[in-house]
Amino acid sequence: MTWIPGEHRFGRAPDFSIGIEEELLLVDPKRLCLKADSDRVLATLGDTDGGVKAEIFEAVIELISPPCQTVAAAVDSLAELRLEIGRAGGAMIASGTHPDGRFGDASLHDTPRYSAVEDALRGVLRTPTCALHVHVGMPDPESAIRVANAMRVHVPLIDALAANSPFWHGVDSGLASARTAILRSYPRSEVPREFTCWEEFCETAADLARAAKVEDYTYFWWDVRPHPLLGTVEVRCPDVQCTAERTAGIAALIQSLAKLELSEGDCVIPRREALAEHVFAANRYGLRAEVPNGRGDLLPVREVAAEALARVEGHARELGCASELEAIEAIARDGNGADRQRAAFGVGDMPGLLADLARRTEVIDRRSWARVA
């Protein structure tokens, strides 16, 4: 569906409803190398009410929760979809990039939309990348602009907590999120600027779409964007997470911060140029970075995470996601996905890392996802 500037669906779902999309790498079940398997998996699955779809890369599959009132319900639907893919014979790993994927090892789907993207990006499409996208329902357009503007300050914190792609093309990139570095080579992949109002967003989106020769804003791969076609603010910056527990934690933090910013709206946002540097630091250093706390300070990630959890505590209780935020405490204590990948590589080299990713991605029972380590 092509967006017509000015049209929107804000307010059609309950305020702060939550939807989650996760992109997963399809792999050979034995060798765990990339496998262009999405068409076969989709054909085997049949109708999932839009819950599973192909992506531009044939070795990537996207799982989509329905709009839900709680994070737990959204993640439960994703866990069920992972189970269905497993029953259809699909093997998956959840990582922002395949740690051992060869440069250019990326067959693409031949559809009108994806063919246009391929023609525009060419060699930039060097390897599949997998993200976690979190949608939060907004009551009206101006609220969506206000929240999208404010959520930009939290991108460095979210990136540092969610970083889960230190390896690319078989070597350690030195980054916590190689996926983000790859995406930054795409056009329209950045921290967007602040918008003064809904009308300015619509005008800017129309101008940029004309300049880029694309249909609409859905071709803007910003870290945070209003999504009028769905009536949400979409946070697109996190790497995909291995476990449902960590997916729930990241989603709960985003949902709670969105409610905080709409309710209080007093955050201090660095200038866009400085904010871009903070985002880079988060994706370079992960939990060792210093990031803005929304109050004008630049502090270590763990301190900013603790501050954020304290600030959203009441909002999280109202949203029913307070227990899911325990996963954020676990990440700060035990390490993010990048830390886990490096540790697994240190013990078992690349085969051990891939096996660890496959094991952690697998869901045995959707009812017990919250107990997966």
Protein backbone atom coordinates (compact mmCIF):
# COMPACT_ATOMS: atom_id res chain seq x y z
CA MET A 1 0.00 0.00 0.00
CA THR A 2 1.45 3.35 -1.04
CA TRP A 3 1.17 6.19 1.46
CA ILE A 4 -0.49 9.45 0.46
CA PRO A 5 1.03 12.33 2.50
CA GLY A 6 -1.35 13.45 5.21
CA GLU A 7 -3.19 10.16 5.51
CA HIS A 8 -2.74 8.21 8.72
CA ARG A 9 -4.14 5.52 11.02
CA PHE A 10 -3.06 6.99 14.32
CA GLY A 11 -5.62 6.49 17.05
CA ARG A 12 -7.19 3.37 15.53
CA ALA A 13 -5.48 1.03 17.99
CA PRO A 14 -5.20 1.50 21.75
CA ASP A 15 -2.52 3.95 22.85
CA PHE A 16 0.89 2.29 23.29
CA SER A 17 -0.20 -0.97 21.71
CA ILE A 18 2.86 -2.96 20.70
CA GLY A 19 3.88 -4.78 17.55
CA ILE A 20 7.21 -6.49 16.97
CA GLU A 21 8.96 -7.65 13.80
CA GLU A 22 12.07 -9.80 13.92
CA GLU A 23 14.27 -10.79 11.00
CA LEU A 24 16.00 -14.17 11.22
CA LEU A 25 18.73 -15.80 9.14
CA LEU A 26 17.86 -19.12 7.51
CA VAL A 27 20.73 -21.60 7.58
CA ASP A 28 21.62 -25.13 6.58
CA PRO A 29 20.64 -27.27 9.60
CA LYS A 30 23.97 -29.11 9.66
CA ARG A 31 26.60 -26.66 8.44
CA LEU A 32 24.75 -23.56 9.72
CA CYS A 33 25.82 -21.56 6.65
CA LEU A 34 23.35 -19.22 4.94
CA LYS A 35 20.61 -20.99 3.02
CA ALA A 36 18.26 -19.35 0.50
CA ASP A 37 15.27 -21.15 1.99
CA SER A 38 12.54 -18.59 2.61
CA ASP A 39 10.37 -19.50 -0.39
CA ARG A 40 10.32 -23.19 0.58
CA VAL A 41 9.60 -22.37 4.23
CA LEU A 42 6.75 -20.03 3.30
CA ALA A 43 5.23 -22.59 0.93
CA THR A 44 5.39 -25.25 3.65
CA LEU A 45 3.89 -22.96 6.29
CA GLY A 46 0.95 -21.86 4.19
CA ASP A 47 -1.29 -19.13 5.65
CA THR A 48 -0.01 -17.51 8.85
CA ASP A 49 -2.30 -14.44 8.65
CA GLY A 50 0.60 -12.26 7.56
CA GLY A 51 2.78 -13.36 10.44
CA VAL A 52 5.68 -14.59 8.29
CA LYS A 53 7.01 -13.02 5.12
CA ALA A 54 10.04 -13.05 2.86
CA GLU A 55 12.62 -10.27 2.89
CA ILE A 56 14.87 -8.91 0.16
CA PHE A 57 17.47 -11.61 0.90
CA GLU A 58 16.34 -15.18 0.25
CA ALA A 59 18.16 -16.35 3.39
CA VAL A 60 16.15 -14.02 5.65
CA ILE A 61 12.63 -14.50 6.96
CA GLU A 62 10.61 -11.93 8.90
CA LEU A 63 8.25 -12.77 11.75
CA ILE A 64 5.53 -10.25 12.54
CA SER A 65 3.40 -10.14 15.66
CA PRO A 66 -0.13 -8.77 15.50
CA PRO A 67 -0.79 -5.49 17.32
CA CYS A 68 -0.93 -6.44 21.00
CA GLN A 69 -1.69 -4.70 24.25
CA THR A 70 1.26 -6.27 26.05
CA VAL A 71 4.84 -7.11 25.17
CA ALA A 72 4.35 -10.64 26.50
CA ALA A 73 1.52 -11.28 24.05
CA ALA A 74 3.55 -9.96 21.10
CA VAL A 75 6.62 -12.02 21.98
CA ASP A 76 4.47 -15.09 22.60
CA SER A 77 3.19 -14.82 19.02
CA LEU A 78 6.77 -14.58 17.71
CA ALA A 79 7.79 -17.61 19.75
CA GLU A 80 4.94 -19.58 18.19
CA LEU A 81 6.06 -18.50 14.72
CA ARG A 82 9.61 -19.67 15.44
CA LEU A 83 8.15 -23.02 16.43
CA GLU A 84 6.13 -23.20 13.20
CA ILE A 85 9.20 -22.45 11.09
CA GLY A 86 11.08 -25.19 12.90
CA ARG A 87 8.25 -27.65 12.23
CA ALA A 88 8.42 -26.60 8.55
CA GLY A 89 12.06 -27.65 8.47
CA GLY A 90 13.56 -24.17 8.66
CA ALA A 91 16.77 -23.76 10.66
CA MET A 92 17.40 -20.25 12.02
CA ILE A 93 19.96 -18.15 13.79
CA ALA A 94 19.25 -14.74 15.30
CA SER A 95 22.19 -12.45 14.66
CA GLY A 96 22.45 -9.01 13.09
CA THR A 97 24.78 -10.54 10.49
CA HIS A 98 25.78 -14.10 9.75
CA PRO A 99 29.17 -14.38 11.47
CA ASP A 100 30.68 -16.45 8.67
CA GLY A 101 28.69 -15.29 5.64
CA ARG A 102 30.91 -14.76 2.63
CA PHE A 103 31.18 -11.31 1.06
CA GLY A 104 28.49 -11.10 -1.63
CA ASP A 105 26.87 -14.36 -0.49
CA ALA A 106 23.41 -12.86 -0.77
CA SER A 107 20.84 -14.07 -3.30
CA LEU A 108 17.91 -11.67 -3.62
CA HIS A 109 14.19 -12.05 -4.18
CA ASP A 110 12.94 -10.98 -7.59
CA THR A 111 9.94 -8.78 -6.80
CA PRO A 112 9.17 -5.28 -8.14
CA ARG A 113 9.94 -3.62 -4.79
CA TYR A 114 13.11 -5.56 -4.08
CA SER A 115 14.32 -5.35 -7.67
CA ALA A 116 14.08 -1.57 -7.44
CA VAL A 117 16.08 -1.61 -4.20
CA GLU A 118 18.68 -3.91 -5.76
CA ASP A 119 19.03 -1.65 -8.79
CA ALA A 120 19.54 1.37 -6.55
CA LEU A 121 21.94 -0.18 -4.03
CA ARG A 122 23.86 -2.70 -6.16
CA GLY A 123 27.07 -3.79 -4.40
CA VAL A 124 25.97 -2.25 -1.11
CA LEU A 125 23.76 -5.33 -0.68
CA ARG A 126 26.79 -7.38 0.33
CA THR A 127 25.35 -9.61 3.06
CA PRO A 128 21.99 -10.14 4.81
CA THR A 129 21.28 -8.08 7.93
CA CYS A 130 18.67 -8.77 10.58
CA ALA A 131 16.97 -6.24 12.82
CA LEU A 132 14.34 -6.02 15.50
CA HIS A 133 11.61 -3.47 14.73
CA VAL A 134 9.30 -2.31 17.51
CA HIS A 135 6.05 -0.44 16.81
CA VAL A 136 4.26 1.56 19.49
CA GLY A 137 0.71 2.77 18.82
CA MET A 138 0.14 6.54 18.93
CA PRO A 139 -3.13 8.40 19.56
CA ASP A 140 -2.68 11.11 16.89
CA PRO A 141 -0.15 12.48 14.39
CA GLU A 142 1.31 15.19 16.62
CA SER A 143 1.90 12.69 19.42
CA ALA A 144 3.69 10.46 16.93
CA ILE A 145 6.00 13.32 15.89
CA ARG A 146 6.67 14.22 19.52
CA VAL A 147 7.57 10.65 20.47
CA ALA A 148 9.62 10.01 17.33
CA ASN A 149 11.63 13.17 18.00
CA ALA A 150 12.27 12.20 21.63
CA MET A 151 13.07 8.55 21.00
CA ARG A 152 16.10 9.60 18.96
CA VAL A 153 17.99 10.38 22.17
CA HIS A 154 17.50 6.78 23.33
CA VAL A 155 18.87 5.19 20.14
CA PRO A 156 22.46 4.98 21.47
CA LEU A 157 21.29 3.21 24.64
CA ILE A 158 19.06 0.81 22.71
CA ASP A 159 21.82 0.08 20.20
CA ALA A 160 24.38 -0.64 22.91
CA LEU A 161 22.05 -3.01 24.76
CA ALA A 162 20.86 -4.79 21.61
CA ALA A 163 24.17 -5.04 19.71
CA ASN A 164 24.40 -8.62 18.42
CA SER A 165 26.64 -8.73 15.34
CA PRO A 166 30.36 -8.40 16.07
CA PHE A 167 31.44 -10.75 13.27
CA TRP A 168 31.22 -10.30 9.52
CA HIS A 169 32.68 -12.35 6.67
CA GLY A 170 34.29 -14.76 9.12
CA VAL A 171 36.26 -12.24 11.18
CA ASP A 172 35.67 -10.04 14.21
CA SER A 173 34.75 -6.61 12.87
CA GLY A 174 35.87 -4.84 16.04
CA LEU A 175 32.31 -3.47 16.29
CA ALA A 176 29.52 -4.49 18.60
CA SER A 177 27.06 -4.16 15.70
CA ALA A 178 28.50 -4.74 12.23
CA ARG A 179 24.92 -4.74 10.99
CA THR A 180 24.56 -1.04 11.76
CA ALA A 181 27.79 -0.23 9.94
CA ILE A 182 26.50 -2.07 6.86
CA LEU A 183 23.16 -0.26 7.00
CA ARG A 184 24.91 3.09 7.19
CA SER A 185 26.16 2.46 3.64
CA TYR A 186 22.51 2.48 2.52
CA PRO A 187 20.88 5.78 1.57
CA ARG A 188 18.29 7.12 4.00
CA SER A 189 19.76 5.07 6.85
CA GLU A 190 20.48 7.45 9.70
CA VAL A 191 19.20 9.18 12.78
CA PRO A 192 16.55 11.50 11.31
CA ARG A 193 16.33 15.15 12.15
CA GLU A 194 13.73 16.65 14.46
CA PHE A 195 10.38 17.56 12.92
CA THR A 196 8.50 20.59 14.18
CA CYS A 197 5.07 19.17 13.37
CA TRP A 198 3.12 16.55 11.43
CA GLU A 199 2.83 18.79 8.38
CA GLU A 200 6.59 19.22 8.18
CA PHE A 201 7.09 15.45 8.33
CA CYS A 202 4.60 14.97 5.49
CA GLU A 203 6.26 17.64 3.35
CA THR A 204 9.74 16.26 4.04
CA ALA A 205 8.66 12.69 3.33
CA ALA A 206 7.12 13.73 -0.01
CA ASP A 207 10.22 15.73 -0.99
CA LEU A 208 12.62 12.94 -0.04
CA ALA A 209 10.57 10.28 -1.81
CA ARG A 210 10.65 12.35 -5.00
CA ALA A 211 14.39 12.92 -4.69
CA ALA A 212 15.07 9.22 -4.06
CA LYS A 213 12.60 8.13 -6.75
CA VAL A 214 10.81 5.84 -4.30
CA GLU A 215 7.11 5.49 -3.56
CA ASP A 216 6.96 6.73 0.01
CA TYR A 217 8.54 6.87 3.48
CA THR A 218 8.61 3.08 3.83
CA TYR A 219 11.85 3.26 1.82
CA PHE A 220 13.40 5.48 4.53
CA TRP A 221 15.47 3.20 6.76
CA TRP A 222 15.72 5.66 9.64
CA ASP A 223 16.56 4.49 13.16
CA VAL A 224 13.20 5.88 14.33
CA ARG A 225 10.30 6.91 12.12
CA PRO A 226 6.61 7.73 12.35
CA HIS A 227 4.66 5.02 10.52
CA PRO A 228 1.32 6.58 9.55
CA LEU A 229 0.23 3.54 7.52
CA LEU A 230 0.23 1.52 10.77
CA GLY A 231 -0.49 4.34 13.22
CA THR A 232 2.72 3.79 15.14
CA VAL A 233 6.16 5.11 15.93
CA GLU A 234 8.63 2.48 14.74
CA VAL A 235 12.04 2.00 16.36
CA ARG A 236 14.19 0.17 13.81
CA CYS A 237 17.70 0.42 15.26
CA PRO A 238 18.18 -2.76 17.37
CA ASP A 239 19.89 -5.90 16.15
CA VAL A 240 17.67 -8.98 16.29
CA GLN A 241 17.93 -10.86 19.60
CA CYS A 242 18.55 -14.58 20.07
CA THR A 243 16.14 -15.26 22.88
CA ALA A 244 12.52 -14.26 23.27
CA GLU A 245 13.38 -13.00 26.74
CA ARG A 246 15.79 -10.42 25.38
CA THR A 247 13.43 -9.48 22.56
CA ALA A 248 10.81 -8.81 25.22
CA GLY A 249 13.24 -6.73 27.27
CA ILE A 250 14.20 -4.47 24.36
CA ALA A 251 10.56 -4.09 23.29
CA ALA A 252 9.43 -3.33 26.84
CA LEU A 253 12.10 -0.65 27.20
CA ILE A 254 11.04 0.99 23.95
CA GLN A 255 7.33 0.85 24.81
CA SER A 256 7.95 2.28 28.28
CA LEU A 257 10.25 5.04 27.01
CA ALA A 258 7.65 6.02 24.41
CA LYS A 259 5.02 6.39 27.13
CA LEU A 260 7.46 8.32 29.31
CA GLU A 261 8.28 10.76 26.52
CA LEU A 262 4.66 11.37 25.58
CA SER A 263 3.66 11.79 29.24
CA GLU A 264 6.58 13.99 30.34
CA GLY A 265 8.37 15.14 27.20
CA ASP A 266 11.24 16.90 28.92
CA CYS A 267 14.24 15.07 27.45
CA VAL A 268 17.37 16.91 26.36
CA ILE A 269 18.42 15.83 22.86
CA PRO A 270 21.93 16.51 21.56
CA ARG A 271 22.30 18.17 18.20
CA ARG A 272 21.89 15.72 15.37
CA GLU A 273 25.61 15.69 14.52
CA ALA A 274 26.57 14.85 18.10
CA LEU A 275 23.78 12.30 18.37
CA ALA A 276 25.12 10.52 15.28
CA GLU A 277 28.51 10.24 17.00
CA HIS A 278 26.90 8.77 20.12
CA VAL A 279 25.11 6.21 17.94
CA PHE A 280 28.40 5.24 16.33
CA ALA A 281 30.07 4.88 19.74
CA ALA A 282 27.26 2.61 20.94
CA ASN A 283 27.61 0.36 17.91
CA ARG A 284 31.39 0.37 18.13
CA TYR A 285 31.84 -0.22 21.86
CA GLY A 286 28.53 -1.73 23.00
CA LEU A 287 28.22 -1.75 26.77
CA ARG A 288 31.59 0.02 27.07
CA ALA A 289 30.26 3.15 25.35
CA GLU A 290 29.15 6.41 26.90
CA VAL A 291 25.71 7.53 25.75
CA PRO A 292 23.33 10.44 26.46
CA ASN A 293 20.83 9.95 29.25
CA GLY A 294 18.16 12.35 28.01
CA ARG A 295 18.99 14.86 30.74
CA GLY A 296 22.01 16.45 29.16
CA ASP A 297 24.63 14.05 30.55
CA LEU A 298 26.95 11.63 28.80
CA LEU A 299 27.42 8.53 30.97
CA PRO A 300 28.43 4.87 30.73
CA VAL A 301 25.76 2.66 29.20
CA ARG A 302 25.11 0.71 32.39
CA GLU A 303 24.45 3.92 34.33
CA VAL A 304 22.12 5.26 31.65
CA ALA A 305 20.28 1.93 31.53
CA ALA A 306 19.78 2.00 35.30
CA GLU A 307 18.52 5.58 35.12
CA ALA A 308 16.12 4.71 32.31
CA LEU A 309 14.73 1.72 34.19
CA ALA A 310 14.11 3.87 37.24
CA ARG A 311 12.39 6.58 35.18
CA VAL A 312 10.05 4.19 33.34
CA GLU A 313 9.20 1.97 36.31
CA GLY A 314 5.70 3.36 36.85
CA HIS A 315 4.90 3.46 33.14
CA ALA A 316 6.09 -0.13 32.73
CA ARG A 317 3.75 -1.27 35.51
CA GLU A 318 0.83 0.46 33.80
CA LEU A 319 1.75 -1.16 30.48
CA GLY A 320 2.14 -4.60 32.05
CA CYS A 321 5.77 -5.04 31.04
CA ALA A 322 7.66 -4.44 34.29
CA SER A 323 8.82 -8.06 34.56
CA GLU A 324 10.09 -8.05 30.97
CA LEU A 325 12.45 -5.20 31.86
CA GLU A 326 14.41 -7.61 34.03
CA ALA A 327 16.07 -8.70 30.78
CA ILE A 328 17.61 -5.22 30.47
CA GLU A 329 19.18 -5.66 33.89
CA ALA A 330 20.49 -9.05 32.76
CA ILE A 331 22.06 -7.56 29.63
CA ALA A 332 23.77 -4.85 31.66
CA ARG A 333 25.02 -7.46 34.13
CA ASP A 334 25.91 -10.38 31.86
CA GLY A 335 26.68 -8.73 28.51
CA ASN A 336 24.87 -8.11 25.25
CA GLY A 337 24.65 -10.41 22.24
CA ALA A 338 28.00 -9.21 20.89
CA ASP A 339 29.66 -10.14 24.19
CA ARG A 340 28.03 -13.56 24.08
CA GLN A 341 29.13 -14.16 20.48
CA ARG A 342 32.73 -13.28 21.25
CA ALA A 343 32.71 -15.52 24.31
CA ALA A 344 31.31 -18.45 22.30
CA PHE A 345 33.90 -17.88 19.58
CA GLY A 346 36.65 -17.86 22.18
CA VAL A 347 35.60 -21.30 23.41
CA GLY A 348 34.66 -23.07 20.16
CA ASP A 349 35.88 -20.90 17.29
CA MET A 350 33.38 -20.28 14.46
CA PRO A 351 31.66 -23.72 14.64
CA GLY A 352 31.09 -23.22 18.36
CA LEU A 353 29.72 -19.72 17.83
CA LEU A 354 27.28 -20.83 15.14
CA ALA A 355 26.11 -23.77 17.25
CA ASP A 356 25.54 -21.46 20.22
CA LEU A 357 23.50 -19.05 18.08
CA ALA A 358 21.38 -21.89 16.70
CA ARG A 359 20.73 -23.30 20.17
CA ARG A 360 19.77 -19.92 21.63
CA THR A 361 17.51 -19.09 18.70
CA GLU A 362 15.52 -22.31 18.95
CA VAL A 363 12.28 -22.18 20.94
CA ILE A 364 11.31 -25.49 22.54
CA ASP A 365 8.03 -24.39 24.08
CA ARG A 366 6.50 -20.96 23.59
CA ARG A 367 4.98 -21.08 27.07
CA SER A 368 8.44 -21.23 28.62
CA TRP A 369 10.17 -18.59 26.51
CA ALA A 370 10.68 -16.30 29.50
CA ARG A 371 12.86 -18.94 31.11
CA VAL A 372 15.27 -19.23 28.16
CA ALA A 373 18.73 -18.00 29.23
